[in-house]
Amino acid sequence: MRAPITEAELRAAWQRLRMVGDFDSSMRHRAVHRAVESAARAMQARKCDRPGYDAKRRAANDQND
């Protein structure tokens, strides 16, 4: 089972999604809470899966991974 998402991570996802309105009142709705939580988990997964960026290899057009 996954670790629970903290409120700070939910707020960060809310801001990254560029949501407008009051965070606290919106989080009372189950559908909104689930959508923001799902987006936060997806953002965490993408951050962990992202390989390191190597500017020199990219500039040399070296595509061998």
N, C-alpha and C. Protein backbone atom coordinates (compact mmCIF):
# COMPACT_ATOMS: atom_id res chain seq x y z
N MET A 1 0.84 -1.18 0.00
CA MET A 1 0.00 0.00 0.00
C MET A 1 0.88 1.25 0.00
N ARG A 2 0.41 2.26 -0.65
CA ARG A 2 1.17 3.50 -0.75
C ARG A 2 1.09 4.32 0.53
N ALA A 3 2.11 5.12 0.72
CA ALA A 3 2.12 6.03 1.87
C ALA A 3 1.07 7.12 1.64
N PRO A 4 0.42 7.56 2.70
CA PRO A 4 -0.60 8.61 2.53
C PRO A 4 0.03 9.93 2.08
N ILE A 5 -0.75 10.66 1.32
CA ILE A 5 -0.33 11.98 0.83
C ILE A 5 -0.57 12.99 1.95
N THR A 6 0.42 13.81 2.23
CA THR A 6 0.27 14.82 3.27
C THR A 6 -0.50 16.02 2.73
N GLU A 7 -0.97 16.84 3.63
CA GLU A 7 -1.71 18.03 3.22
C GLU A 7 -0.81 18.99 2.44
N ALA A 8 0.46 19.06 2.82
CA ALA A 8 1.39 19.93 2.10
C ALA A 8 1.56 19.45 0.65
N GLU A 9 1.62 18.15 0.44
CA GLU A 9 1.74 17.62 -0.91
C GLU A 9 0.47 17.87 -1.71
N LEU A 10 -0.69 17.77 -1.04
CA LEU A 10 -1.95 18.08 -1.72
C LEU A 10 -2.01 19.55 -2.12
N ARG A 11 -1.57 20.42 -1.21
CA ARG A 11 -1.55 21.86 -1.53
C ARG A 11 -0.60 22.16 -2.70
N ALA A 12 0.54 21.48 -2.71
CA ALA A 12 1.51 21.67 -3.81
C ALA A 12 0.91 21.21 -5.13
N ALA A 13 0.22 20.07 -5.11
CA ALA A 13 -0.43 19.59 -6.32
C ALA A 13 -1.52 20.55 -6.77
N TRP A 14 -2.27 21.10 -5.82
CA TRP A 14 -3.32 22.08 -6.11
C TRP A 14 -2.72 23.28 -6.85
N GLN A 15 -1.59 23.74 -6.37
CA GLN A 15 -0.94 24.89 -7.00
C GLN A 15 -0.36 24.53 -8.36
N ARG A 16 0.26 23.34 -8.48
CA ARG A 16 0.81 22.92 -9.77
C ARG A 16 -0.27 22.73 -10.82
N LEU A 17 -1.46 22.33 -10.39
CA LEU A 17 -2.58 22.18 -11.31
C LEU A 17 -3.23 23.51 -11.64
N ARG A 18 -2.79 24.56 -10.98
CA ARG A 18 -3.30 25.92 -11.17
C ARG A 18 -4.80 26.01 -10.90
N MET A 19 -5.19 25.35 -9.82
CA MET A 19 -6.60 25.37 -9.42
C MET A 19 -6.90 26.71 -8.76
N VAL A 20 -8.12 27.17 -8.93
CA VAL A 20 -8.54 28.43 -8.32
C VAL A 20 -9.60 28.11 -7.27
N GLY A 21 -9.76 28.99 -6.35
CA GLY A 21 -10.75 28.80 -5.29
C GLY A 21 -10.09 28.44 -3.98
N ASP A 22 -10.92 28.21 -3.00
CA ASP A 22 -10.45 27.92 -1.66
C ASP A 22 -10.09 26.44 -1.56
N PHE A 23 -8.85 26.15 -1.22
CA PHE A 23 -8.37 24.77 -1.10
C PHE A 23 -9.14 24.01 -0.04
N ASP A 24 -9.28 24.61 1.15
CA ASP A 24 -9.90 23.91 2.27
C ASP A 24 -11.37 23.54 2.00
N SER A 25 -12.12 24.45 1.44
CA SER A 25 -13.53 24.14 1.17
C SER A 25 -13.67 23.16 0.01
N SER A 26 -12.77 23.22 -0.94
CA SER A 26 -12.83 22.30 -2.08
C SER A 26 -12.46 20.88 -1.68
N MET A 27 -11.56 20.73 -0.72
CA MET A 27 -11.13 19.41 -0.30
C MET A 27 -12.20 18.65 0.48
N ARG A 28 -13.28 19.34 0.86
CA ARG A 28 -14.38 18.66 1.55
C ARG A 28 -15.16 17.75 0.60
N HIS A 29 -15.09 18.05 -0.69
CA HIS A 29 -15.77 17.24 -1.70
C HIS A 29 -14.89 16.04 -2.05
N ARG A 30 -15.46 14.86 -1.93
CA ARG A 30 -14.71 13.62 -2.12
C ARG A 30 -14.10 13.54 -3.52
N ALA A 31 -14.84 13.95 -4.54
CA ALA A 31 -14.35 13.86 -5.91
C ALA A 31 -13.13 14.77 -6.14
N VAL A 32 -13.19 15.97 -5.60
CA VAL A 32 -12.07 16.90 -5.74
C VAL A 32 -10.86 16.36 -4.99
N HIS A 33 -11.08 15.86 -3.79
CA HIS A 33 -9.98 15.33 -2.99
C HIS A 33 -9.30 14.17 -3.72
N ARG A 34 -10.10 13.27 -4.28
CA ARG A 34 -9.53 12.12 -5.00
C ARG A 34 -8.78 12.56 -6.25
N ALA A 35 -9.30 13.54 -6.96
CA ALA A 35 -8.65 14.01 -8.18
C ALA A 35 -7.30 14.66 -7.87
N VAL A 36 -7.26 15.49 -6.85
CA VAL A 36 -6.01 16.16 -6.48
C VAL A 36 -5.02 15.14 -5.92
N GLU A 37 -5.51 14.19 -5.13
CA GLU A 37 -4.64 13.15 -4.59
C GLU A 37 -4.05 12.29 -5.70
N SER A 38 -4.86 11.95 -6.69
CA SER A 38 -4.38 11.17 -7.83
C SER A 38 -3.32 11.95 -8.61
N ALA A 39 -3.56 13.22 -8.81
CA ALA A 39 -2.59 14.06 -9.51
C ALA A 39 -1.28 14.16 -8.72
N ALA A 40 -1.38 14.27 -7.40
CA ALA A 40 -0.18 14.35 -6.56
C ALA A 40 0.63 13.06 -6.65
N ARG A 41 -0.06 11.92 -6.64
CA ARG A 41 0.64 10.64 -6.77
C ARG A 41 1.30 10.52 -8.14
N ALA A 42 0.61 10.96 -9.19
CA ALA A 42 1.19 10.91 -10.53
C ALA A 42 2.42 11.81 -10.63
N MET A 43 2.35 12.98 -10.01
CA MET A 43 3.50 13.89 -10.03
C MET A 43 4.68 13.29 -9.28
N GLN A 44 4.42 12.61 -8.17
CA GLN A 44 5.49 11.95 -7.42
C GLN A 44 6.11 10.83 -8.24
N ALA A 45 5.28 10.05 -8.93
CA ALA A 45 5.78 8.94 -9.73
C ALA A 45 6.65 9.46 -10.88
N ARG A 46 6.22 10.53 -11.52
CA ARG A 46 7.00 11.10 -12.62
C ARG A 46 8.32 11.65 -12.13
N LYS A 47 8.31 12.25 -10.94
CA LYS A 47 9.54 12.81 -10.39
C LYS A 47 10.54 11.71 -10.07
N CYS A 48 10.06 10.58 -9.59
CA CYS A 48 10.94 9.45 -9.24
C CYS A 48 11.44 8.72 -10.48
N ASP A 49 10.62 8.66 -11.52
CA ASP A 49 10.99 7.91 -12.73
C ASP A 49 11.87 8.70 -13.69
N ARG A 50 11.99 9.98 -13.47
CA ARG A 50 12.73 10.83 -14.39
C ARG A 50 14.23 10.53 -14.29
N PRO A 51 14.85 10.15 -15.41
CA PRO A 51 16.31 9.92 -15.37
C PRO A 51 17.06 11.24 -15.26
N GLY A 52 18.29 11.14 -14.84
CA GLY A 52 19.12 12.34 -14.73
C GLY A 52 19.33 12.99 -16.09
N TYR A 53 19.40 14.27 -16.10
CA TYR A 53 19.59 15.03 -17.34
C TYR A 53 21.07 15.27 -17.55
N ASP A 54 21.58 14.86 -18.70
CA ASP A 54 22.99 15.03 -19.01
C ASP A 54 23.10 15.97 -20.21
N ALA A 55 23.42 17.22 -19.96
CA ALA A 55 23.46 18.23 -21.02
C ALA A 55 24.53 17.94 -22.06
N LYS A 56 25.65 17.40 -21.63
CA LYS A 56 26.73 17.11 -22.59
C LYS A 56 26.33 16.00 -23.55
N ARG A 57 25.69 14.94 -23.02
CA ARG A 57 25.26 13.85 -23.89
C ARG A 57 24.17 14.34 -24.86
N ARG A 58 23.29 15.18 -24.36
CA ARG A 58 22.25 15.70 -25.24
C ARG A 58 22.82 16.60 -26.32
N ALA A 59 23.78 17.43 -25.95
CA ALA A 59 24.42 18.32 -26.93
C ALA A 59 25.18 17.51 -27.98
N ALA A 60 25.75 16.37 -27.58
CA ALA A 60 26.48 15.52 -28.52
C ALA A 60 25.54 14.62 -29.30
N ASN A 61 24.24 14.71 -29.03
CA ASN A 61 23.22 13.90 -29.67
C ASN A 61 23.48 12.40 -29.48
N ASP A 62 23.94 12.04 -28.29
CA ASP A 62 24.21 10.65 -27.95
C ASP A 62 22.92 10.04 -27.41
N GLN A 63 22.30 9.14 -28.17
CA GLN A 63 21.01 8.58 -27.81
C GLN A 63 21.10 7.22 -27.13
N ASN A 64 22.31 6.68 -26.95
CA ASN A 64 22.46 5.35 -26.34
C ASN A 64 22.17 5.44 -24.84
N ASP A 65 21.15 4.67 -24.43
CA ASP A 65 20.79 4.67 -23.00
C ASP A 65 21.11 3.36 -22.40
